[in-house]
Amino acid sequence: MIEKKQLELMFEQIADNTDWDLSAPLIWGFFFTDASAEKLRAVVPALEQDGYRFVDVFLADKDEPAVADLWMLHVEKIEVHTPDSLDQRNDALYRFAAEHELGAYDGMDVAPVDAEED
């Protein structure tokens, strides 16, 4: 579970180490995991209905070949977040993963919006 304190630290590090405007829209990527790629693909329409853009379903890297395969779903949304709003979004995505019986909501990443995507 991602704690709000972690999000506050993440925002501080972004402010200290990038020139990104945190009050402007950024690309927020969100990740889900499951042992079944088909299960992840099946939830894409529900996420798209909520305004997320499908990016990929891919096999997660693993250190040990004997470990079972784990698939990841990556979706993204261009929006503005604060630590509070991202905490609320994470809570909603944890609930989404539980409601759809996915392995887990695995967190997020962020990047600036490219000029081509404006």
C-alpha atoms as a PDB file:
ATOM      1  CA  MET A   1       0.000   0.000   0.000  1.00  0.00           C
ATOM      2  CA  ILE A   2       1.408   3.373  -1.014  1.00  0.00           C
ATOM      3  CA  GLU A   3       1.228   5.766   1.926  1.00  0.00           C
ATOM      4  CA  LYS A   4       0.487   9.481   1.618  1.00  0.00           C
ATOM      5  CA  LYS A   5       3.887  10.296   3.187  1.00  0.00           C
ATOM      6  CA  GLN A   6       5.554   8.461   0.275  1.00  0.00           C
ATOM      7  CA  LEU A   7       3.581  10.596  -2.180  1.00  0.00           C
ATOM      8  CA  GLU A   8       4.575  13.788  -0.372  1.00  0.00           C
ATOM      9  CA  LEU A   9       8.227  12.737  -0.612  1.00  0.00           C
ATOM     10  CA  MET A  10       7.792  11.872  -4.301  1.00  0.00           C
ATOM     11  CA  PHE A  11       6.366  15.335  -5.013  1.00  0.00           C
ATOM     12  CA  GLU A  12       9.232  16.979  -3.084  1.00  0.00           C
ATOM     13  CA  GLN A  13      11.798  14.992  -5.081  1.00  0.00           C
ATOM     14  CA  ILE A  14      10.135  15.896  -8.389  1.00  0.00           C
ATOM     15  CA  ALA A  15      10.129  19.584  -7.401  1.00  0.00           C
ATOM     16  CA  ASP A  16      13.788  19.412  -6.308  1.00  0.00           C
ATOM     17  CA  ASN A  17      15.134  17.352  -9.216  1.00  0.00           C
ATOM     18  CA  THR A  18      13.143  18.400 -12.292  1.00  0.00           C
ATOM     19  CA  ASP A  19      11.842  21.549 -13.894  1.00  0.00           C
ATOM     20  CA  TRP A  20       8.347  20.056 -14.228  1.00  0.00           C
ATOM     21  CA  ASP A  21       5.429  22.303 -13.333  1.00  0.00           C
ATOM     22  CA  LEU A  22       3.521  20.211 -10.797  1.00  0.00           C
ATOM     23  CA  SER A  23       0.522  22.521 -11.137  1.00  0.00           C
ATOM     24  CA  ALA A  24       0.230  21.655 -14.853  1.00  0.00           C
ATOM     25  CA  PRO A  25      -0.995  18.412 -16.408  1.00  0.00           C
ATOM     26  CA  LEU A  26       1.501  15.537 -16.428  1.00  0.00           C
ATOM     27  CA  ILE A  27       1.236  11.998 -17.785  1.00  0.00           C
ATOM     28  CA  TRP A  28       0.429   9.722 -14.855  1.00  0.00           C
ATOM     29  CA  GLY A  29       0.998   6.029 -15.555  1.00  0.00           C
ATOM     30  CA  PHE A  30      -0.790   3.438 -13.421  1.00  0.00           C
ATOM     31  CA  PHE A  31       0.073  -0.252 -13.180  1.00  0.00           C
ATOM     32  CA  PHE A  32      -1.826  -3.423 -12.268  1.00  0.00           C
ATOM     33  CA  THR A  33      -0.460  -6.958 -11.961  1.00  0.00           C
ATOM     34  CA  ASP A  34      -1.937 -10.413 -12.337  1.00  0.00           C
ATOM     35  CA  ALA A  35      -0.874 -13.937 -13.269  1.00  0.00           C
ATOM     36  CA  SER A  36      -3.264 -13.721 -16.248  1.00  0.00           C
ATOM     37  CA  ALA A  37      -2.704 -11.342 -19.154  1.00  0.00           C
ATOM     38  CA  GLU A  38      -6.274 -12.038 -20.298  1.00  0.00           C
ATOM     39  CA  LYS A  39      -7.676 -10.871 -16.954  1.00  0.00           C
ATOM     40  CA  LEU A  40      -5.748  -7.630 -17.261  1.00  0.00           C
ATOM     41  CA  ARG A  41      -6.877  -7.082 -20.852  1.00  0.00           C
ATOM     42  CA  ALA A  42     -10.486  -7.705 -19.773  1.00  0.00           C
ATOM     43  CA  VAL A  43     -10.496  -4.664 -17.452  1.00  0.00           C
ATOM     44  CA  VAL A  44      -9.131  -2.245 -20.053  1.00  0.00           C
ATOM     45  CA  PRO A  45     -12.597  -1.152 -21.302  1.00  0.00           C
ATOM     46  CA  ALA A  46     -13.673  -0.253 -17.751  1.00  0.00           C
ATOM     47  CA  LEU A  47     -10.526   1.827 -17.282  1.00  0.00           C
ATOM     48  CA  GLU A  48     -10.949   3.474 -20.693  1.00  0.00           C
ATOM     49  CA  GLN A  49     -14.512   4.368 -19.719  1.00  0.00           C
ATOM     50  CA  ASP A  50     -12.989   6.238 -16.746  1.00  0.00           C
ATOM     51  CA  GLY A  51     -10.707   8.213 -19.058  1.00  0.00           C
ATOM     52  CA  TYR A  52      -7.539   6.118 -18.919  1.00  0.00           C
ATOM     53  CA  ARG A  53      -5.575   5.366 -22.075  1.00  0.00           C
ATOM     54  CA  PHE A  54      -4.373   1.797 -22.576  1.00  0.00           C
ATOM     55  CA  VAL A  55      -0.594   1.583 -23.014  1.00  0.00           C
ATOM     56  CA  ASP A  56       0.404  -2.085 -22.786  1.00  0.00           C
ATOM     57  CA  VAL A  57       0.079  -5.489 -21.173  1.00  0.00           C
ATOM     58  CA  PHE A  58       3.524  -6.994 -20.733  1.00  0.00           C
ATOM     59  CA  LEU A  59       5.396  -9.700 -18.899  1.00  0.00           C
ATOM     60  CA  ALA A  60       7.160  -8.329 -15.823  1.00  0.00           C
ATOM     61  CA  ASP A  61      10.893  -8.846 -15.462  1.00  0.00           C
ATOM     62  CA  LYS A  62      11.909 -11.517 -12.985  1.00  0.00           C
ATOM     63  CA  ASP A  63      15.187 -12.391 -11.341  1.00  0.00           C
ATOM     64  CA  GLU A  64      14.550 -16.122 -10.994  1.00  0.00           C
ATOM     65  CA  PRO A  65      13.361 -18.203 -13.974  1.00  0.00           C
ATOM     66  CA  ALA A  66      11.502 -20.572 -11.627  1.00  0.00           C
ATOM     67  CA  VAL A  67       9.255 -17.754 -10.346  1.00  0.00           C
ATOM     68  CA  ALA A  68       5.789 -17.754 -11.908  1.00  0.00           C
ATOM     69  CA  ASP A  69       5.129 -15.240 -14.684  1.00  0.00           C
ATOM     70  CA  LEU A  70       3.542 -11.971 -13.651  1.00  0.00           C
ATOM     71  CA  TRP A  71       1.789  -9.757 -16.169  1.00  0.00           C
ATOM     72  CA  MET A  72       1.489  -5.988 -15.909  1.00  0.00           C
ATOM     73  CA  LEU A  73      -1.144  -3.644 -17.290  1.00  0.00           C
ATOM     74  CA  HIS A  74      -0.052  -0.047 -17.910  1.00  0.00           C
ATOM     75  CA  VAL A  75      -2.645   2.693 -18.398  1.00  0.00           C
ATOM     76  CA  GLU A  76      -2.192   6.432 -18.269  1.00  0.00           C
ATOM     77  CA  LYS A  77      -4.058   9.661 -17.841  1.00  0.00           C
ATOM     78  CA  ILE A  78      -2.981  13.252 -18.385  1.00  0.00           C
ATOM     79  CA  GLU A  79      -3.994  15.253 -15.337  1.00  0.00           C
ATOM     80  CA  VAL A  80      -2.866  17.408 -12.436  1.00  0.00           C
ATOM     81  CA  HIS A  81      -2.290  15.814  -9.035  1.00  0.00           C
ATOM     82  CA  THR A  82      -1.319  16.832  -5.549  1.00  0.00           C
ATOM     83  CA  PRO A  83      -0.230  14.338  -2.909  1.00  0.00           C
ATOM     84  CA  ASP A  84      -3.822  14.379  -1.605  1.00  0.00           C
ATOM     85  CA  SER A  85      -5.481  13.816  -4.980  1.00  0.00           C
ATOM     86  CA  LEU A  86      -2.969  11.109  -5.927  1.00  0.00           C
ATOM     87  CA  ASP A  87      -3.593   9.396  -2.589  1.00  0.00           C
ATOM     88  CA  GLN A  88      -7.315   9.384  -3.393  1.00  0.00           C
ATOM     89  CA  ARG A  89      -6.623   8.074  -6.913  1.00  0.00           C
ATOM     90  CA  ASN A  90      -4.452   5.282  -5.519  1.00  0.00           C
ATOM     91  CA  ASP A  91      -7.225   4.316  -3.064  1.00  0.00           C
ATOM     92  CA  ALA A  92      -9.690   4.129  -5.972  1.00  0.00           C
ATOM     93  CA  LEU A  93      -7.306   1.980  -8.021  1.00  0.00           C
ATOM     94  CA  TYR A  94      -6.669  -0.380  -5.101  1.00  0.00           C
ATOM     95  CA  ARG A  95     -10.466  -0.791  -4.878  1.00  0.00           C
ATOM     96  CA  PHE A  96     -10.701  -1.302  -8.655  1.00  0.00           C
ATOM     97  CA  ALA A  97      -8.080  -4.076  -8.502  1.00  0.00           C
ATOM     98  CA  ALA A  98      -9.910  -5.771  -5.621  1.00  0.00           C
ATOM     99  CA  GLU A  99     -13.344  -5.477  -7.286  1.00  0.00           C
ATOM    100  CA  HIS A 100     -12.003  -7.027 -10.499  1.00  0.00           C
ATOM    101  CA  GLU A 101     -10.032  -9.681  -8.587  1.00  0.00           C
ATOM    102  CA  LEU A 102      -6.707  -8.605 -10.075  1.00  0.00           C
ATOM    103  CA  GLY A 103      -3.462  -9.588  -8.412  1.00  0.00           C
ATOM    104  CA  ALA A 104      -2.698  -6.025  -7.356  1.00  0.00           C
ATOM    105  CA  TYR A 105      -2.654  -2.342  -8.123  1.00  0.00           C
ATOM    106  CA  ASP A 106       1.104  -1.851  -8.326  1.00  0.00           C
ATOM    107  CA  GLY A 107       1.534   1.922  -8.281  1.00  0.00           C
ATOM    108  CA  MET A 108       2.264   4.766 -10.624  1.00  0.00           C
ATOM    109  CA  ASP A 109       4.864   6.767 -12.443  1.00  0.00           C
ATOM    110  CA  VAL A 110       4.846  10.256 -13.909  1.00  0.00           C
ATOM    111  CA  ALA A 111       6.376  12.067 -16.855  1.00  0.00           C
ATOM    112  CA  PRO A 112       5.996  15.432 -18.550  1.00  0.00           C
ATOM    113  CA  VAL A 113       3.516  15.752 -21.392  1.00  0.00           C
ATOM    114  CA  ASP A 114       5.348  15.759 -24.726  1.00  0.00           C
ATOM    115  CA  ALA A 115       4.612  18.613 -27.096  1.00  0.00           C
ATOM    116  CA  GLU A 116       3.182  16.042 -29.560  1.00  0.00           C
ATOM    117  CA  GLU A 117       0.548  14.939 -27.038  1.00  0.00           C
ATOM    118  CA  ASP A 118      -0.832  18.424 -26.265  1.00  0.00           C
END
